[in-house]
All heavy atoms as atom14 arrays in JSON, in Angstrom:
{
  "sequence": "PHVLVVTPGVNVRRALLDYTDEDFDRVVDLNLRGTFRLLQVFGRTMAA",
  "atom14_mask": [
    [1, 1, 1, 1, 1, 1, 1, 0, 0, 0, 0, 0, 0, 0],
    [1, 1, 1, 1, 1, 1, 1, 1, 1, 1, 0, 0, 0, 0],
    [1, 1, 1, 1, 1, 1, 1, 0, 0, 0, 0, 0, 0, 0],
    [1, 1, 1, 1, 1, 1, 1, 1, 0, 0, 0, 0, 0, 0],
    [1, 1, 1, 1, 1, 1, 1, 0, 0, 0, 0, 0, 0, 0],
    [1, 1, 1, 1, 1, 1, 1, 0, 0, 0, 0, 0, 0, 0],
    [1, 1, 1, 1, 1, 1, 1, 0, 0, 0, 0, 0, 0, 0],
    [1, 1, 1, 1, 1, 1, 1, 0, 0, 0, 0, 0, 0, 0],
    [1, 1, 1, 1, 0, 0, 0, 0, 0, 0, 0, 0, 0, 0],
    [1, 1, 1, 1, 1, 1, 1, 0, 0, 0, 0, 0, 0, 0],
    [1, 1, 1, 1, 1, 1, 1, 1, 0, 0, 0, 0, 0, 0],
    [1, 1, 1, 1, 1, 1, 1, 0, 0, 0, 0, 0, 0, 0],
    [1, 1, 1, 1, 1, 1, 1, 1, 1, 1, 1, 0, 0, 0],
    [1, 1, 1, 1, 1, 1, 1, 1, 1, 1, 1, 0, 0, 0],
    [1, 1, 1, 1, 1, 0, 0, 0, 0, 0, 0, 0, 0, 0],
    [1, 1, 1, 1, 1, 1, 1, 1, 0, 0, 0, 0, 0, 0],
    [1, 1, 1, 1, 1, 1, 1, 1, 0, 0, 0, 0, 0, 0],
    [1, 1, 1, 1, 1, 1, 1, 1, 0, 0, 0, 0, 0, 0],
    [1, 1, 1, 1, 1, 1, 1, 1, 1, 1, 1, 1, 0, 0],
    [1, 1, 1, 1, 1, 1, 1, 0, 0, 0, 0, 0, 0, 0],
    [1, 1, 1, 1, 1, 1, 1, 1, 0, 0, 0, 0, 0, 0],
    [1, 1, 1, 1, 1, 1, 1, 1, 1, 0, 0, 0, 0, 0],
    [1, 1, 1, 1, 1, 1, 1, 1, 0, 0, 0, 0, 0, 0],
    [1, 1, 1, 1, 1, 1, 1, 1, 1, 1, 1, 0, 0, 0],
    [1, 1, 1, 1, 1, 1, 1, 1, 0, 0, 0, 0, 0, 0],
    [1, 1, 1, 1, 1, 1, 1, 1, 1, 1, 1, 0, 0, 0],
    [1, 1, 1, 1, 1, 1, 1, 0, 0, 0, 0, 0, 0, 0],
    [1, 1, 1, 1, 1, 1, 1, 0, 0, 0, 0, 0, 0, 0],
    [1, 1, 1, 1, 1, 1, 1, 1, 0, 0, 0, 0, 0, 0],
    [1, 1, 1, 1, 1, 1, 1, 1, 0, 0, 0, 0, 0, 0],
    [1, 1, 1, 1, 1, 1, 1, 1, 0, 0, 0, 0, 0, 0],
    [1, 1, 1, 1, 1, 1, 1, 1, 0, 0, 0, 0, 0, 0],
    [1, 1, 1, 1, 1, 1, 1, 1, 1, 1, 1, 0, 0, 0],
    [1, 1, 1, 1, 0, 0, 0, 0, 0, 0, 0, 0, 0, 0],
    [1, 1, 1, 1, 1, 1, 1, 0, 0, 0, 0, 0, 0, 0],
    [1, 1, 1, 1, 1, 1, 1, 1, 1, 1, 1, 0, 0, 0],
    [1, 1, 1, 1, 1, 1, 1, 1, 1, 1, 1, 0, 0, 0],
    [1, 1, 1, 1, 1, 1, 1, 1, 0, 0, 0, 0, 0, 0],
    [1, 1, 1, 1, 1, 1, 1, 1, 0, 0, 0, 0, 0, 0],
    [1, 1, 1, 1, 1, 1, 1, 1, 1, 0, 0, 0, 0, 0],
    [1, 1, 1, 1, 1, 1, 1, 0, 0, 0, 0, 0, 0, 0],
    [1, 1, 1, 1, 1, 1, 1, 1, 1, 1, 1, 0, 0, 0],
    [1, 1, 1, 1, 0, 0, 0, 0, 0, 0, 0, 0, 0, 0],
    [1, 1, 1, 1, 1, 1, 1, 1, 1, 1, 1, 0, 0, 0],
    [1, 1, 1, 1, 1, 1, 1, 0, 0, 0, 0, 0, 0, 0],
    [1, 1, 1, 1, 1, 1, 1, 1, 0, 0, 0, 0, 0, 0],
    [1, 1, 1, 1, 1, 0, 0, 0, 0, 0, 0, 0, 0, 0],
    [1, 1, 1, 1, 1, 0, 0, 0, 0, 0, 0, 0, 0, 0]
  ],
  "atom14_positions": [
    [[-14.67, -61.92, -88.26], [-13.5, -62.05, -87.42], [-13.85, -62.61, -86.05], [-15.02, -62.65, -85.68], [-12.98, -60.61, -87.32], [-14.24, -59.78, -87.35], [-15.15, -60.52, -88.32], [0.0, 0.0, 0.0], [0.0, 0.0, 0.0], [0.0, 0.0, 0.0], [0.0, 0.0, 0.0], [0.0, 0.0, 0.0], [0.0, 0.0, 0.0], [0.0, 0.0, 0.0]],
    [[-12.86, -63.03, -85.33], [-13.07, -63.47, -83.97], [-13.03, -62.28, -82.99], [-13.61, -62.32, -81.91], [-11.99, -64.47, -83.55], [-11.93, -65.68, -84.42], [-11.19, -65.73, -85.56], [-12.51, -66.89, -84.28], [-11.34, -66.92, -86.12], [-12.12, -67.65, -85.36], [0.0, 0.0, 0.0], [0.0, 0.0, 0.0], [0.0, 0.0, 0.0], [0.0, 0.0, 0.0]],
    [[-12.32, -61.2, -83.46], [-12.13, -60.05, -82.59], [-12.32, -58.79, -83.41], [-11.82, -58.7, -84.55], [-10.72, -60.04, -81.94], [-10.52, -58.81, -81.06], [-10.48, -61.32, -81.17], [0.0, 0.0, 0.0], [0.0, 0.0, 0.0], [0.0, 0.0, 0.0], [0.0, 0.0, 0.0], [0.0, 0.0, 0.0], [0.0, 0.0, 0.0], [0.0, 0.0, 0.0]],
    [[-12.99, -57.79, -82.85], [-13.07, -56.48, -83.47], [-12.63, -55.45, -82.42], [-13.14, -55.44, -81.3], [-14.51, -56.15, -83.89], [-14.75, -54.67, -84.33], [-14.03, -54.38, -85.65], [-16.24, -54.4, -84.47], [0.0, 0.0, 0.0], [0.0, 0.0, 0.0], [0.0, 0.0, 0.0], [0.0, 0.0, 0.0], [0.0, 0.0, 0.0], [0.0, 0.0, 0.0]],
    [[-11.67, -54.59, -82.77], [-11.19, -53.53, -81.91], [-11.5, -52.19, -82.58], [-11.05, -51.97, -83.71], [-9.72, -53.66, -81.59], [-9.26, -52.58, -80.63], [-9.4, -55.02, -81.02], [0.0, 0.0, 0.0], [0.0, 0.0, 0.0], [0.0, 0.0, 0.0], [0.0, 0.0, 0.0], [0.0, 0.0, 0.0], [0.0, 0.0, 0.0], [0.0, 0.0, 0.0]],
    [[-12.2, -51.32, -81.87], [-12.58, -50.0, -82.41], [-11.85, -48.91, -81.63], [-12.09, -48.74, -80.42], [-14.11, -49.81, -82.3], [-14.5, -48.46, -82.91], [-14.85, -50.95, -82.99], [0.0, 0.0, 0.0], [0.0, 0.0, 0.0], [0.0, 0.0, 0.0], [0.0, 0.0, 0.0], [0.0, 0.0, 0.0], [0.0, 0.0, 0.0], [0.0, 0.0, 0.0]],
    [[-10.95, -48.17, -82.27], [-10.16, -47.16, -81.59], [-10.33, -45.7, -82.09], [-9.92, -44.79, -81.38], [-8.67, -47.49, -81.65], [-8.17, -47.3, -83.0], [-8.4, -48.91, -81.22], [0.0, 0.0, 0.0], [0.0, 0.0, 0.0], [0.0, 0.0, 0.0], [0.0, 0.0, 0.0], [0.0, 0.0, 0.0], [0.0, 0.0, 0.0], [0.0, 0.0, 0.0]],
    [[-10.86, -45.43, -83.26], [-10.84, -44.05, -83.79], [-11.59, -43.05, -82.85], [-12.61, -43.37, -82.25], [-11.56, -44.17, -85.15], [-11.4, -45.56, -85.57], [-11.45, -46.35, -84.31], [0.0, 0.0, 0.0], [0.0, 0.0, 0.0], [0.0, 0.0, 0.0], [0.0, 0.0, 0.0], [0.0, 0.0, 0.0], [0.0, 0.0, 0.0], [0.0, 0.0, 0.0]],
    [[-11.06, -41.87, -82.79], [-11.71, -40.79, -82.04], [-11.18, -39.44, -82.46], [-10.05, -39.3, -82.92], [0.0, 0.0, 0.0], [0.0, 0.0, 0.0], [0.0, 0.0, 0.0], [0.0, 0.0, 0.0], [0.0, 0.0, 0.0], [0.0, 0.0, 0.0], [0.0, 0.0, 0.0], [0.0, 0.0, 0.0], [0.0, 0.0, 0.0], [0.0, 0.0, 0.0]],
    [[-12.03, -38.42, -82.3], [-11.64, -37.07, -82.63], [-12.22, -36.13, -81.58], [-13.25, -36.46, -80.98], [-12.09, -36.66, -84.05], [-13.61, -36.58, -84.13], [-11.44, -35.36, -84.51], [0.0, 0.0, 0.0], [0.0, 0.0, 0.0], [0.0, 0.0, 0.0], [0.0, 0.0, 0.0], [0.0, 0.0, 0.0], [0.0, 0.0, 0.0], [0.0, 0.0, 0.0]],
    [[-11.57, -35.01, -81.34], [-12.04, -34.04, -80.35], [-11.9, -32.65, -80.89], [-10.9, -32.33, -81.53], [-11.27, -34.19, -79.04], [-11.91, -33.4, -77.91], [-13.03, -32.92, -77.99], [-11.16, -33.28, -76.79], [0.0, 0.0, 0.0], [0.0, 0.0, 0.0], [0.0, 0.0, 0.0], [0.0, 0.0, 0.0], [0.0, 0.0, 0.0], [0.0, 0.0, 0.0]],
    [[-12.87, -31.8, -80.62], [-12.79, -30.36, -80.87], [-12.85, -29.71, -79.49], [-13.91, -29.68, -78.88], [-13.92, -29.86, -81.78], [-13.82, -28.33, -81.92], [-13.82, -30.53, -83.16], [0.0, 0.0, 0.0], [0.0, 0.0, 0.0], [0.0, 0.0, 0.0], [0.0, 0.0, 0.0], [0.0, 0.0, 0.0], [0.0, 0.0, 0.0], [0.0, 0.0, 0.0]],
    [[-11.75, -29.19, -79.02], [-11.69, -28.59, -77.66], [-12.24, -27.18, -77.74], [-11.61, -26.26, -78.21], [-10.24, -28.56, -77.16], [-9.69, -29.93, -76.86], [-8.26, -29.81, -76.3], [-7.78, -31.12, -75.91], [-8.03, -31.69, -74.73], [-8.74, -31.03, -73.82], [-7.57, -32.88, -74.43], [0.0, 0.0, 0.0], [0.0, 0.0, 0.0], [0.0, 0.0, 0.0]],
    [[-13.46, -27.05, -77.23], [-14.13, -25.76, -77.31], [-15.29, -25.75, -76.28], [-15.89, -26.79, -76.05], [-14.67, -25.5, -78.71], [-15.19, -24.12, -78.98], [-15.31, -23.87, -80.47], [-14.01, -23.91, -81.12], [-13.84, -24.25, -82.41], [-14.85, -24.6, -83.15], [-12.64, -24.23, -82.92], [0.0, 0.0, 0.0], [0.0, 0.0, 0.0], [0.0, 0.0, 0.0]],
    [[-15.51, -24.63, -75.63], [-16.63, -24.54, -74.71], [-17.94, -24.84, -75.41], [-18.12, -24.54, -76.63], [-16.69, -23.11, -74.12], [0.0, 0.0, 0.0], [0.0, 0.0, 0.0], [0.0, 0.0, 0.0], [0.0, 0.0, 0.0], [0.0, 0.0, 0.0], [0.0, 0.0, 0.0], [0.0, 0.0, 0.0], [0.0, 0.0, 0.0], [0.0, 0.0, 0.0]],
    [[-18.85, -25.46, -74.68], [-20.12, -25.86, -75.31], [-20.86, -24.65, -75.94], [-21.46, -24.83, -77.02], [-21.03, -26.53, -74.26], [-20.71, -27.97, -73.89], [-21.67, -28.47, -72.79], [-20.78, -28.89, -75.1], [0.0, 0.0, 0.0], [0.0, 0.0, 0.0], [0.0, 0.0, 0.0], [0.0, 0.0, 0.0], [0.0, 0.0, 0.0], [0.0, 0.0, 0.0]],
    [[-20.82, -23.52, -75.29], [-21.54, -22.38, -75.79], [-20.93, -21.83, -77.11], [-21.57, -21.09, -77.84], [-21.58, -21.27, -74.76], [-22.3, -21.62, -73.44], [-22.43, -20.37, -72.59], [-23.68, -22.21, -73.7], [0.0, 0.0, 0.0], [0.0, 0.0, 0.0], [0.0, 0.0, 0.0], [0.0, 0.0, 0.0], [0.0, 0.0, 0.0], [0.0, 0.0, 0.0]],
    [[-19.69, -22.26, -77.4], [-19.0, -21.82, -78.59], [-19.02, -22.86, -79.71], [-18.5, -22.57, -80.81], [-17.54, -21.43, -78.27], [-17.44, -20.26, -77.3], [-18.33, -19.4, -77.36], [-16.48, -20.24, -76.54], [0.0, 0.0, 0.0], [0.0, 0.0, 0.0], [0.0, 0.0, 0.0], [0.0, 0.0, 0.0], [0.0, 0.0, 0.0], [0.0, 0.0, 0.0]],
    [[-19.6, -24.02, -79.43], [-19.64, -25.11, -80.43], [-20.51, -24.71, -81.59], [-21.6, -24.15, -81.44], [-20.15, -26.38, -79.8], [-19.15, -27.51, -79.75], [-18.08, -27.44, -78.9], [-19.29, -28.64, -80.56], [-17.14, -28.48, -78.85], [-18.39, -29.68, -80.52], [-17.3, -29.6, -79.67], [-16.4, -30.6, -79.63], [0.0, 0.0, 0.0], [0.0, 0.0, 0.0]],
    [[-20.05, -25.03, -82.79], [-20.86, -24.85, -84.01], [-21.49, -26.2, -84.38], [-21.1, -27.28, -83.9], [-20.01, -24.37, -85.18], [-19.06, -25.41, -85.52], [-19.24, -23.09, -84.79], [0.0, 0.0, 0.0], [0.0, 0.0, 0.0], [0.0, 0.0, 0.0], [0.0, 0.0, 0.0], [0.0, 0.0, 0.0], [0.0, 0.0, 0.0], [0.0, 0.0, 0.0]],
    [[-22.45, -26.14, -85.24], [-23.05, -27.38, -85.74], [-22.01, -28.25, -86.43], [-22.02, -29.5, -86.33], [-24.19, -27.08, -86.72], [-25.43, -26.56, -86.05], [-25.51, -26.67, -84.81], [-26.35, -26.11, -86.78], [0.0, 0.0, 0.0], [0.0, 0.0, 0.0], [0.0, 0.0, 0.0], [0.0, 0.0, 0.0], [0.0, 0.0, 0.0], [0.0, 0.0, 0.0]],
    [[-21.08, -27.62, -87.12], [-20.01, -28.33, -87.83], [-19.1, -29.06, -86.81], [-18.72, -30.2, -87.02], [-19.2, -27.43, -88.72], [-19.93, -26.88, -89.92], [-20.96, -25.79, -89.58], [-20.88, -25.21, -88.45], [-21.82, -25.51, -90.44], [0.0, 0.0, 0.0], [0.0, 0.0, 0.0], [0.0, 0.0, 0.0], [0.0, 0.0, 0.0], [0.0, 0.0, 0.0]],
    [[-18.78, -28.38, -85.71], [-17.96, -29.01, -84.69], [-18.67, -30.22, -84.12], [-18.08, -31.29, -83.98], [-17.69, -28.02, -83.55], [-16.85, -26.84, -83.93], [-16.05, -26.93, -84.87], [-16.98, -25.77, -83.26], [0.0, 0.0, 0.0], [0.0, 0.0, 0.0], [0.0, 0.0, 0.0], [0.0, 0.0, 0.0], [0.0, 0.0, 0.0], [0.0, 0.0, 0.0]],
    [[-19.95, -30.01, -83.78], [-20.75, -31.08, -83.17], [-20.82, -32.29, -84.09], [-20.61, -33.43, -83.68], [-22.13, -30.53, -82.87], [-23.01, -31.51, -82.13], [-23.04, -31.53, -80.74], [-23.84, -32.41, -82.82], [-23.86, -32.41, -80.07], [-24.65, -33.28, -82.15], [-24.68, -33.32, -80.76], [0.0, 0.0, 0.0], [0.0, 0.0, 0.0], [0.0, 0.0, 0.0]],
    [[-21.12, -32.03, -85.36], [-21.26, -33.13, -86.31], [-19.95, -33.89, -86.5], [-19.94, -35.13, -86.61], [-21.75, -32.61, -87.66], [-23.2, -32.15, -87.62], [-23.92, -32.5, -86.66], [-23.64, -31.4, -88.54], [0.0, 0.0, 0.0], [0.0, 0.0, 0.0], [0.0, 0.0, 0.0], [0.0, 0.0, 0.0], [0.0, 0.0, 0.0], [0.0, 0.0, 0.0]],
    [[-18.87, -33.17, -86.53], [-17.56, -33.81, -86.72], [-17.25, -34.8, -85.62], [-16.83, -35.92, -85.89], [-16.46, -32.76, -86.8], [-15.06, -33.35, -87.03], [-13.99, -32.3, -86.95], [-12.67, -32.89, -87.06], [-11.52, -32.31, -86.68], [-11.58, -31.07, -86.17], [-10.4, -32.91, -86.81], [0.0, 0.0, 0.0], [0.0, 0.0, 0.0], [0.0, 0.0, 0.0]],
    [[-17.48, -34.38, -84.38], [-17.17, -35.26, -83.23], [-18.14, -36.42, -83.13], [-17.77, -37.56, -82.94], [-17.12, -34.44, -81.95], [-16.84, -35.33, -80.75], [-16.03, -33.36, -82.02], [0.0, 0.0, 0.0], [0.0, 0.0, 0.0], [0.0, 0.0, 0.0], [0.0, 0.0, 0.0], [0.0, 0.0, 0.0], [0.0, 0.0, 0.0], [0.0, 0.0, 0.0]],
    [[-19.45, -36.12, -83.27], [-20.48, -37.13, -83.08], [-20.42, -38.13, -84.24], [-20.55, -39.36, -84.01], [-21.87, -36.49, -82.99], [-22.96, -37.59, -83.02], [-21.97, -35.68, -81.67], [0.0, 0.0, 0.0], [0.0, 0.0, 0.0], [0.0, 0.0, 0.0], [0.0, 0.0, 0.0], [0.0, 0.0, 0.0], [0.0, 0.0, 0.0], [0.0, 0.0, 0.0]],
    [[-20.2, -37.65, -85.44], [-20.22, -38.57, -86.61], [-19.12, -39.6, -86.55], [-19.34, -40.78, -86.84], [-20.14, -37.77, -87.91], [-21.43, -37.12, -88.29], [-22.47, -37.39, -87.61], [-21.44, -36.33, -89.25], [0.0, 0.0, 0.0], [0.0, 0.0, 0.0], [0.0, 0.0, 0.0], [0.0, 0.0, 0.0], [0.0, 0.0, 0.0], [0.0, 0.0, 0.0]],
    [[-17.92, -39.2, -86.11], [-16.84, -40.13, -86.04], [-16.94, -40.99, -84.77], [-16.94, -42.24, -84.84], [-15.49, -39.43, -86.1], [-14.27, -40.4, -86.09], [-14.15, -41.1, -87.44], [-13.0, -39.7, -85.73], [0.0, 0.0, 0.0], [0.0, 0.0, 0.0], [0.0, 0.0, 0.0], [0.0, 0.0, 0.0], [0.0, 0.0, 0.0], [0.0, 0.0, 0.0]],
    [[-16.98, -40.36, -83.63], [-16.9, -41.07, -82.35], [-18.09, -41.98, -82.06], [-17.93, -43.05, -81.51], [-16.71, -40.08, -81.21], [-15.43, -39.33, -81.28], [-14.64, -39.46, -82.19], [-15.22, -38.45, -80.29], [0.0, 0.0, 0.0], [0.0, 0.0, 0.0], [0.0, 0.0, 0.0], [0.0, 0.0, 0.0], [0.0, 0.0, 0.0], [0.0, 0.0, 0.0]],
    [[-19.28, -41.48, -82.37], [-20.48, -42.22, -82.01], [-21.09, -42.97, -83.2], [-21.31, -44.17, -83.15], [-21.51, -41.27, -81.38], [-22.66, -41.97, -80.6], [-22.15, -42.89, -79.53], [-23.58, -40.9, -80.01], [0.0, 0.0, 0.0], [0.0, 0.0, 0.0], [0.0, 0.0, 0.0], [0.0, 0.0, 0.0], [0.0, 0.0, 0.0], [0.0, 0.0, 0.0]],
    [[-21.4, -42.24, -84.26], [-22.06, -42.88, -85.39], [-21.11, -43.88, -86.07], [-21.52, -44.98, -86.47], [-22.52, -41.84, -86.42], [-23.45, -42.43, -87.48], [-23.75, -41.41, -88.57], [-24.36, -40.22, -88.05], [-25.71, -40.08, -87.84], [-26.52, -41.1, -88.11], [-26.18, -38.96, -87.34], [0.0, 0.0, 0.0], [0.0, 0.0, 0.0], [0.0, 0.0, 0.0]],
    [[-19.83, -43.53, -86.19], [-18.84, -44.44, -86.78], [-18.7, -45.7, -85.98], [-18.68, -46.82, -86.52], [0.0, 0.0, 0.0], [0.0, 0.0, 0.0], [0.0, 0.0, 0.0], [0.0, 0.0, 0.0], [0.0, 0.0, 0.0], [0.0, 0.0, 0.0], [0.0, 0.0, 0.0], [0.0, 0.0, 0.0], [0.0, 0.0, 0.0], [0.0, 0.0, 0.0]],
    [[-18.62, -45.58, -84.67], [-18.6, -46.73, -83.77], [-19.83, -47.56, -83.92], [-19.8, -48.81, -83.99], [-18.43, -46.31, -82.31], [-17.16, -45.66, -82.16], [-18.51, -47.48, -81.37], [0.0, 0.0, 0.0], [0.0, 0.0, 0.0], [0.0, 0.0, 0.0], [0.0, 0.0, 0.0], [0.0, 0.0, 0.0], [0.0, 0.0, 0.0], [0.0, 0.0, 0.0]],
    [[-21.0, -46.91, -83.98], [-22.28, -47.62, -84.15], [-22.31, -48.47, -85.42], [-22.74, -49.62, -85.43], [-23.43, -46.64, -84.19], [-24.73, -47.24, -84.56], [-25.45, -48.01, -83.67], [-25.28, -47.04, -85.83], [-26.67, -48.6, -84.02], [-26.48, -47.59, -86.19], [-27.2, -48.37, -85.31], [0.0, 0.0, 0.0], [0.0, 0.0, 0.0], [0.0, 0.0, 0.0]],
    [[-21.78, -47.9, -86.52], [-21.77, -48.65, -87.79], [-20.94, -49.93, -87.64], [-21.37, -51.02, -88.1], [-21.13, -47.76, -88.9], [-22.0, -46.64, -89.37], [-21.41, -46.01, -90.64], [-22.26, -44.9, -91.13], [-21.96, -43.64, -90.98], [-20.87, -43.27, -90.36], [-22.78, -42.7, -91.43], [0.0, 0.0, 0.0], [0.0, 0.0, 0.0], [0.0, 0.0, 0.0]],
    [[-19.78, -49.82, -86.99], [-18.91, -50.99, -86.87], [-19.58, -52.05, -85.96], [-19.54, -53.24, -86.27], [-17.57, -50.6, -86.29], [-16.67, -49.75, -87.21], [-15.54, -49.11, -86.43], [-16.1, -50.65, -88.32], [0.0, 0.0, 0.0], [0.0, 0.0, 0.0], [0.0, 0.0, 0.0], [0.0, 0.0, 0.0], [0.0, 0.0, 0.0], [0.0, 0.0, 0.0]],
    [[-20.16, -51.59, -84.86], [-20.84, -52.49, -83.95], [-22.0, -53.24, -84.66], [-22.19, -54.45, -84.47], [-21.36, -51.74, -82.74], [-20.34, -51.15, -81.79], [-21.06, -50.43, -80.65], [-19.41, -52.21, -81.25], [0.0, 0.0, 0.0], [0.0, 0.0, 0.0], [0.0, 0.0, 0.0], [0.0, 0.0, 0.0], [0.0, 0.0, 0.0], [0.0, 0.0, 0.0]],
    [[-22.73, -52.49, -85.43], [-23.92, -53.1, -86.06], [-23.51, -54.12, -87.16], [-24.0, -55.25, -87.18], [-24.76, -52.0, -86.69], [-26.11, -52.46, -87.18], [-26.97, -51.33, -87.67], [-26.59, -50.59, -88.58], [-28.14, -51.16, -87.06], [0.0, 0.0, 0.0], [0.0, 0.0, 0.0], [0.0, 0.0, 0.0], [0.0, 0.0, 0.0], [0.0, 0.0, 0.0]],
    [[-22.58, -53.72, -87.98], [-22.19, -54.61, -89.11], [-21.46, -55.89, -88.59], [-21.83, -57.01, -88.99], [-21.27, -53.84, -90.11], [-20.66, -54.81, -91.08], [-22.11, -52.8, -90.86], [0.0, 0.0, 0.0], [0.0, 0.0, 0.0], [0.0, 0.0, 0.0], [0.0, 0.0, 0.0], [0.0, 0.0, 0.0], [0.0, 0.0, 0.0], [0.0, 0.0, 0.0]],
    [[-20.48, -55.68, -87.75], [-19.74, -56.85, -87.27], [-20.48, -57.6, -86.18], [-20.31, -58.82, -86.03], [-18.35, -56.45, -86.78], [-17.4, -56.17, -87.9], [-17.2, -54.85, -88.35], [-16.71, -57.17, -88.54], [-16.34, -54.57, -89.39], [-15.85, -56.9, -89.6], [-15.68, -55.61, -90.03], [0.0, 0.0, 0.0], [0.0, 0.0, 0.0], [0.0, 0.0, 0.0]],
    [[-21.36, -56.92, -85.46], [-22.18, -57.59, -84.48], [-23.09, -58.65, -85.14], [-23.3, -59.72, -84.61], [0.0, 0.0, 0.0], [0.0, 0.0, 0.0], [0.0, 0.0, 0.0], [0.0, 0.0, 0.0], [0.0, 0.0, 0.0], [0.0, 0.0, 0.0], [0.0, 0.0, 0.0], [0.0, 0.0, 0.0], [0.0, 0.0, 0.0], [0.0, 0.0, 0.0]],
    [[-23.61, -58.29, -86.3], [-24.47, -59.22, -87.06], [-23.71, -60.47, -87.45], [-24.19, -61.6, -87.25], [-25.03, -58.53, -88.3], [-26.12, -57.5, -88.04], [-26.79, -57.14, -89.35], [-27.81, -56.09, -89.14], [-27.68, -54.83, -89.61], [-26.6, -54.48, -90.28], [-28.63, -53.92, -89.39], [0.0, 0.0, 0.0], [0.0, 0.0, 0.0], [0.0, 0.0, 0.0]],
    [[-22.56, -60.31, -88.0], [-21.8, -61.48, -88.49], [-21.33, -62.35, -87.33], [-21.34, -63.56, -87.39], [-20.63, -61.06, -89.38], [-19.69, -60.3, -88.61], [-21.09, -60.24, -90.56], [0.0, 0.0, 0.0], [0.0, 0.0, 0.0], [0.0, 0.0, 0.0], [0.0, 0.0, 0.0], [0.0, 0.0, 0.0], [0.0, 0.0, 0.0], [0.0, 0.0, 0.0]],
    [[-20.89, -61.71, -86.24], [-20.42, -62.47, -85.1], [-21.55, -63.24, -84.45], [-21.41, -64.39, -84.05], [-19.75, -61.57, -84.06], [-18.38, -61.04, -84.48], [-17.66, -60.0, -83.18], [-16.0, -59.73, -83.85], [0.0, 0.0, 0.0], [0.0, 0.0, 0.0], [0.0, 0.0, 0.0], [0.0, 0.0, 0.0], [0.0, 0.0, 0.0], [0.0, 0.0, 0.0]],
    [[-22.72, -62.6, -84.35], [-23.87, -63.25, -83.78], [-24.28, -64.48, -84.6], [-24.66, -65.53, -84.07], [-25.06, -62.28, -83.65], [0.0, 0.0, 0.0], [0.0, 0.0, 0.0], [0.0, 0.0, 0.0], [0.0, 0.0, 0.0], [0.0, 0.0, 0.0], [0.0, 0.0, 0.0], [0.0, 0.0, 0.0], [0.0, 0.0, 0.0], [0.0, 0.0, 0.0]],
    [[-24.21, -64.33, -85.92], [-24.54, -65.45, -86.77], [-23.55, -66.61, -86.62], [-23.91, -67.79, -86.71], [-24.54, -64.98, -88.25], [0.0, 0.0, 0.0], [0.0, 0.0, 0.0], [0.0, 0.0, 0.0], [0.0, 0.0, 0.0], [0.0, 0.0, 0.0], [0.0, 0.0, 0.0], [0.0, 0.0, 0.0], [0.0, 0.0, 0.0], [0.0, 0.0, 0.0]]
  ]
}
């Protein structure tokens, strides 16, 4: 594509001391790892 727009996000509103591993993984996997996947895959094709 000529343009890629990345908007997905999720939040678990909870104090850090109360966060579970499951909470942490849910937020990080979508917001950060998911964004990384899109940047990497489409970054390669756009660069080419």
